[in-house]
PDB file of N, CA and C in Angstrom:
ATOM      1  N   MET A   1     -40.652  58.595  46.917  1.00  0.00           N
ATOM      2  CA  MET A   1     -41.706  59.257  47.261  1.00  0.00           C
ATOM      3  C   MET A   1     -42.914  58.473  46.590  1.00  0.00           C
ATOM      4  N   GLN A   2     -44.053  58.276  47.103  1.00  0.00           N
ATOM      5  CA  GLN A   2     -44.959  57.279  46.875  1.00  0.00           C
ATOM      6  C   GLN A   2     -46.058  58.346  46.167  1.00  0.00           C
ATOM      7  N   PRO A   3     -46.762  57.830  45.053  1.00  0.00           N
ATOM      8  CA  PRO A   3     -47.725  58.560  44.317  1.00  0.00           C
ATOM      9  C   PRO A   3     -49.229  59.031  45.261  1.00  0.00           C
ATOM     10  N   VAL A   4     -49.677  60.160  45.242  1.00  0.00           N
ATOM     11  CA  VAL A   4     -50.813  60.026  45.882  1.00  0.00           C
ATOM     12  C   VAL A   4     -51.884  59.691  45.231  1.00  0.00           C
ATOM     13  N   ALA A   5     -52.787  59.033  45.862  1.00  0.00           N
ATOM     14  CA  ALA A   5     -54.166  58.351  45.261  1.00  0.00           C
ATOM     15  C   ALA A   5     -54.998  59.408  44.777  1.00  0.00           C
ATOM     16  N   PRO A   6     -55.851  59.090  43.539  1.00  0.00           N
ATOM     17  CA  PRO A   6     -56.657  60.170  43.245  1.00  0.00           C
ATOM     18  C   PRO A   6     -57.578  60.647  44.113  1.00  0.00           C
ATOM     19  N   ASN A   7     -58.386  61.527  44.282  1.00  0.00           N
ATOM     20  CA  ASN A   7     -59.622  62.023  45.087  1.00  0.00           C
ATOM     21  C   ASN A   7     -60.527  61.888  44.077  1.00  0.00           C
ATOM     22  N   TRP A   8     -61.244  60.770  43.785  1.00  0.00           N
ATOM     23  CA  TRP A   8     -62.439  60.878  43.023  1.00  0.00           C
ATOM     24  C   TRP A   8     -63.652  61.368  43.539  1.00  0.00           C
ATOM     25  N   ARG A   9     -64.457  61.684  42.678  1.00  0.00           N
ATOM     26  CA  ARG A   9     -65.866  62.449  43.330  1.00  0.00           C
ATOM     27  C   ARG A   9     -67.036  62.412  42.013  1.00  0.00           C
ATOM     28  N   THR A  10     -68.113  62.616  42.453  1.00  0.00           N
ATOM     29  CA  THR A  10     -69.225  62.327  41.550  1.00  0.00           C
ATOM     30  C   THR A  10     -69.978  63.682  41.786  1.00  0.00           C
ATOM     31  N   SER A  11     -70.526  64.458  40.659  1.00  0.00           N
ATOM     32  CA  SER A  11     -71.638  65.470  40.773  1.00  0.00           C
ATOM     33  C   SER A  11     -72.550  65.227  41.715  1.00  0.00           C
ATOM     34  N   SER A  12     -73.112  66.305  42.265  1.00  0.00           N
ATOM     35  CA  SER A  12     -74.322  65.987  43.081  1.00  0.00           C
ATOM     36  C   SER A  12     -75.546  66.062  42.119  1.00  0.00           C
ATOM     37  N   TYR A  13     -75.303  66.314  41.122  1.00  0.00           N
ATOM     38  CA  TYR A  13     -76.477  66.041  40.184  1.00  0.00           C
ATOM     39  C   TYR A  13     -76.457  64.626  39.603  1.00  0.00           C
ATOM     40  N   THR A  14     -75.697  63.615  39.835  1.00  0.00           N
ATOM     41  CA  THR A  14     -75.625  62.291  39.379  1.00  0.00           C
ATOM     42  C   THR A  14     -76.554  61.553  40.003  1.00  0.00           C
ATOM     43  N   GLY A  15     -77.204  60.912  39.173  1.00  0.00           N
ATOM     44  CA  GLY A  15     -78.321  59.879  39.538  1.00  0.00           C
ATOM     45  C   GLY A  15     -77.752  58.579  39.818  1.00  0.00           C
ATOM     46  N   THR A  16     -78.367  57.554  39.763  1.00  0.00           N
ATOM     47  CA  THR A  16     -78.221  56.191  40.322  1.00  0.00           C
ATOM     48  C   THR A  16     -77.154  55.349  39.162  1.00  0.00           C
ATOM     49  N   GLU A  17     -77.626  55.944  37.650  1.00  0.00           N
ATOM     50  CA  GLU A  17     -77.280  55.368  36.651  1.00  0.00           C
ATOM     51  C   GLU A  17     -76.601  56.433  35.775  1.00  0.00           C
ATOM     52  N   ASN A  18     -75.506  55.714  34.856  1.00  0.00           N
ATOM     53  CA  ASN A  18     -74.878  56.549  33.821  1.00  0.00           C
ATOM     54  C   ASN A  18     -74.188  57.541  34.426  1.00  0.00           C
ATOM     55  N   CYS A  19     -73.367  57.275  35.407  1.00  0.00           N
ATOM     56  CA  CYS A  19     -72.703  58.083  36.217  1.00  0.00           C
ATOM     57  C   CYS A  19     -71.081  58.145  35.890  1.00  0.00           C
ATOM     58  N   VAL A  20     -70.367  59.179  36.144  1.00  0.00           N
ATOM     59  CA  VAL A  20     -69.135  59.182  36.069  1.00  0.00           C
ATOM     60  C   VAL A  20     -68.321  59.840  37.155  1.00  0.00           C
ATOM     61  N   GLU A  21     -67.077  59.361  37.731  1.00  0.00           N
ATOM     62  CA  GLU A  21     -66.205  59.835  38.525  1.00  0.00           C
ATOM     63  C   GLU A  21     -65.341  60.996  38.085  1.00  0.00           C
ATOM     64  N   VAL A  22     -64.890  61.610  38.663  1.00  0.00           N
ATOM     65  CA  VAL A  22     -63.606  62.737  38.102  1.00  0.00           C
ATOM     66  C   VAL A  22     -62.769  62.959  39.391  1.00  0.00           C
ATOM     67  N   ALA A  23     -61.325  62.758  38.934  1.00  0.00           N
ATOM     68  CA  ALA A  23     -60.412  63.255  39.864  1.00  0.00           C
ATOM     69  C   ALA A  23     -59.408  64.203  39.185  1.00  0.00           C
ATOM     70  N   ASP A  24     -58.999  65.460  39.935  1.00  0.00           N
ATOM     71  CA  ASP A  24     -57.984  66.173  39.202  1.00  0.00           C
ATOM     72  C   ASP A  24     -56.979  66.722  40.061  1.00  0.00           C
ATOM     73  N   ASN A  25     -56.368  65.708  40.754  1.00  0.00           N
ATOM     74  CA  ASN A  25     -55.307  65.811  41.606  1.00  0.00           C
ATOM     75  C   ASN A  25     -53.727  66.124  40.763  1.00  0.00           C
ATOM     76  N   ASP A  26     -53.628  65.619  39.467  1.00  0.00           N
ATOM     77  CA  ASP A  26     -52.668  66.053  38.644  1.00  0.00           C
ATOM     78  C   ASP A  26     -52.590  67.510  37.882  1.00  0.00           C
ATOM     79  N   SER A  27     -51.692  68.107  37.956  1.00  0.00           N
ATOM     80  CA  SER A  27     -52.026  69.595  37.430  1.00  0.00           C
ATOM     81  C   SER A  27     -52.016  69.444  35.814  1.00  0.00           C
ATOM     82  N   LYS A  28     -51.615  68.595  35.209  1.00  0.00           N
ATOM     83  CA  LYS A  28     -52.007  68.462  33.585  1.00  0.00           C
ATOM     84  C   LYS A  28     -53.156  67.739  33.184  1.00  0.00           C
ATOM     85  N   TYR A  29     -53.677  66.794  33.897  1.00  0.00           N
ATOM     86  CA  TYR A  29     -54.701  65.985  33.373  1.00  0.00           C
ATOM     87  C   TYR A  29     -55.969  65.712  34.427  1.00  0.00           C
ATOM     88  N   VAL A  30     -57.135  65.627  33.911  1.00  0.00           N
ATOM     89  CA  VAL A  30     -58.227  65.374  34.879  1.00  0.00           C
ATOM     90  C   VAL A  30     -58.361  63.942  34.378  1.00  0.00           C
ATOM     91  N   MET A  31     -58.995  63.110  35.394  1.00  0.00           N
ATOM     92  CA  MET A  31     -59.056  61.565  35.148  1.00  0.00           C
ATOM     93  C   MET A  31     -60.535  61.432  35.493  1.00  0.00           C
ATOM     94  N   VAL A  32     -61.334  60.729  34.269  1.00  0.00           N
ATOM     95  CA  VAL A  32     -62.612  60.512  34.430  1.00  0.00           C
ATOM     96  C   VAL A  32     -62.866  58.891  34.288  1.00  0.00           C
ATOM     97  N   ARG A  33     -63.651  58.127  35.064  1.00  0.00           N
ATOM     98  CA  ARG A  33     -64.061  56.760  35.043  1.00  0.00           C
ATOM     99  C   ARG A  33     -65.438  56.438  35.148  1.00  0.00           C
ATOM    100  N   ASP A  34     -65.917  55.373  35.110  1.00  0.00           N
ATOM    101  CA  ASP A  34     -67.384  54.949  34.838  1.00  0.00           C
ATOM    102  C   ASP A  34     -67.489  54.263  36.310  1.00  0.00           C
ATOM    103  N   THR A  35     -68.551  55.066  37.020  1.00  0.00           N
ATOM    104  CA  THR A  35     -68.919  54.645  38.223  1.00  0.00           C
ATOM    105  C   THR A  35     -69.412  53.265  38.381  1.00  0.00           C
ATOM    106  N   LYS A  36     -70.011  52.578  37.487  1.00  0.00           N
ATOM    107  CA  LYS A  36     -70.521  51.450  37.434  1.00  0.00           C
ATOM    108  C   LYS A  36     -69.529  50.350  37.331  1.00  0.00           C
ATOM    109  N   ASP A  37     -68.478  50.856  36.836  1.00  0.00           N
ATOM    110  CA  ASP A  37     -67.262  49.833  36.306  1.00  0.00           C
ATOM    111  C   ASP A  37     -65.809  50.262  36.445  1.00  0.00           C
ATOM    112  N   ARG A  38     -65.494  50.616  37.766  1.00  0.00           N
ATOM    113  CA  ARG A  38     -64.381  51.198  38.265  1.00  0.00           C
ATOM    114  C   ARG A  38     -63.245  51.021  37.533  1.00  0.00           C
ATOM    115  N   ASN A  39     -63.058  49.467  37.556  1.00  0.00           N
ATOM    116  CA  ASN A  39     -61.713  48.811  37.051  1.00  0.00           C
ATOM    117  C   ASN A  39     -61.520  48.616  35.708  1.00  0.00           C
ATOM    118  N   ARG A  40     -62.603  49.046  35.104  1.00  0.00           N
ATOM    119  CA  ARG A  40     -62.512  48.918  33.304  1.00  0.00           C
ATOM    120  C   ARG A  40     -61.454  49.985  32.888  1.00  0.00           C
ATOM    121  N   GLY A  41     -61.020  51.263  33.338  1.00  0.00           N
ATOM    122  CA  GLY A  41     -60.180  52.084  32.988  1.00  0.00           C
ATOM    123  C   GLY A  41     -60.538  53.540  33.243  1.00  0.00           C
ATOM    124  N   ILE A  42     -59.491  54.513  32.898  1.00  0.00           N
ATOM    125  CA  ILE A  42     -59.558  55.670  33.123  1.00  0.00           C
ATOM    126  C   ILE A  42     -59.156  56.636  31.985  1.00  0.00           C
ATOM    127  N   LEU A  43     -60.071  57.504  31.644  1.00  0.00           N
ATOM    128  CA  LEU A  43     -59.732  58.645  30.661  1.00  0.00           C
ATOM    129  C   LEU A  43     -59.005  59.639  31.056  1.00  0.00           C
ATOM    130  N   ALA A  44     -57.802  60.146  30.651  1.00  0.00           N
ATOM    131  CA  ALA A  44     -56.996  61.019  31.066  1.00  0.00           C
ATOM    132  C   ALA A  44     -57.071  62.232  30.232  1.00  0.00           C
ATOM    133  N   VAL A  45     -57.869  63.326  30.391  1.00  0.00           N
ATOM    134  CA  VAL A  45     -58.052  64.287  29.645  1.00  0.00           C
ATOM    135  C   VAL A  45     -57.351  65.698  29.859  1.00  0.00           C
ATOM    136  N   PRO A  46     -56.836  66.197  29.082  1.00  0.00           N
ATOM    137  CA  PRO A  46     -55.892  67.463  29.343  1.00  0.00           C
ATOM    138  C   PRO A  46     -56.734  68.603  29.887  1.00  0.00           C
ATOM    139  N   ARG A  47     -56.175  69.111  31.045  1.00  0.00           N
ATOM    140  CA  ARG A  47     -57.188  70.036  32.007  1.00  0.00           C
ATOM    141  C   ARG A  47     -57.514  71.289  31.067  1.00  0.00           C
ATOM    142  N   THR A  48     -56.973  71.621  30.040  1.00  0.00           N
ATOM    143  CA  THR A  48     -57.565  72.668  29.181  1.00  0.00           C
ATOM    144  C   THR A  48     -58.664  72.231  28.526  1.00  0.00           C
ATOM    145  N   ALA A  49     -58.558  71.015  28.096  1.00  0.00           N
ATOM    146  CA  ALA A  49     -59.852  70.487  27.402  1.00  0.00           C
ATOM    147  C   ALA A  49     -60.972  70.435  28.334  1.00  0.00           C
ATOM    148  N   TRP A  50     -60.794  69.554  29.397  1.00  0.00           N
ATOM    149  CA  TRP A  50     -61.761  69.542  30.524  1.00  0.00           C
ATOM    150  C   TRP A  50     -62.286  70.919  30.899  1.00  0.00           C
ATOM    151  N   THR A  51     -61.533  71.794  31.180  1.00  0.00           N
ATOM    152  CA  THR A  51     -62.185  73.040  31.391  1.00  0.00           C
ATOM    153  C   THR A  51     -63.189  73.807  30.288  1.00  0.00           C
ATOM    154  N   ALA A  52     -62.758  73.487  29.078  1.00  0.00           N
ATOM    155  CA  ALA A  52     -63.640  74.040  28.035  1.00  0.00           C
ATOM    156  C   ALA A  52     -64.821  73.460  27.917  1.00  0.00           C
ATOM    157  N   LEU A  53     -64.703  71.916  28.129  1.00  0.00           N
ATOM    158  CA  LEU A  53     -66.130  71.280  28.185  1.00  0.00           C
ATOM    159  C   LEU A  53     -66.991  71.347  29.029  1.00  0.00           C
ATOM    160  N   VAL A  54     -66.496  71.774  30.166  1.00  0.00           N
ATOM    161  CA  VAL A  54     -67.249  72.241  31.877  1.00  0.00           C
ATOM    162  C   VAL A  54     -67.879  73.703  31.255  1.00  0.00           C
ATOM    163  N   GLU A  55     -66.966  74.472  31.075  1.00  0.00           N
ATOM    164  CA  GLU A  55     -67.420  75.988  30.503  1.00  0.00           C
ATOM    165  C   GLU A  55     -68.759  75.565  29.565  1.00  0.00           C
ATOM    166  N   HIS A  56     -68.490  74.909  28.456  1.00  0.00           N
ATOM    167  CA  HIS A  56     -69.554  74.967  27.348  1.00  0.00           C
ATOM    168  C   HIS A  56     -70.650  74.141  27.972  1.00  0.00           C
ATOM    169  N   ALA A  57     -70.658  73.195  28.948  1.00  0.00           N
ATOM    170  CA  ALA A  57     -71.791  72.528  29.565  1.00  0.00           C
ATOM    171  C   ALA A  57     -72.681  73.719  30.395  1.00  0.00           C
ATOM    172  N   LYS A  58     -71.946  74.587  30.991  1.00  0.00           N
ATOM    173  CA  LYS A  58     -72.754  75.354  31.725  1.00  0.00           C
ATOM    174  C   LYS A  58     -73.204  76.398  31.044  1.00  0.00           C
ATOM    175  N   ARG A  59     -72.914  76.918  29.783  1.00  0.00           N
ATOM    176  CA  ARG A  59     -73.696  77.733  29.153  1.00  0.00           C
ATOM    177  C   ARG A  59     -74.712  76.887  28.295  1.00  0.00           C
ATOM    178  N   GLY A  60     -75.161  75.603  28.579  1.00  0.00           N
ATOM    179  CA  GLY A  60     -75.969  75.084  27.867  1.00  0.00           C
ATOM    180  C   GLY A  60     -75.911  74.530  26.573  1.00  0.00           C
TER     181      GLY A  60
END
């Protein structure tokens, strides 16, 4: 069985610079990469930590 390619997306709030892309195909990790340099590497963040970060950001 071949692995499924990540489904990368950017926020609708993202401008033209300083952007990141996020993929959450895996159940344990959310993947983050720099939009300007996609080949530089991927940061894999535990889903629970990513959820906490997003909730914190929503609260301001």
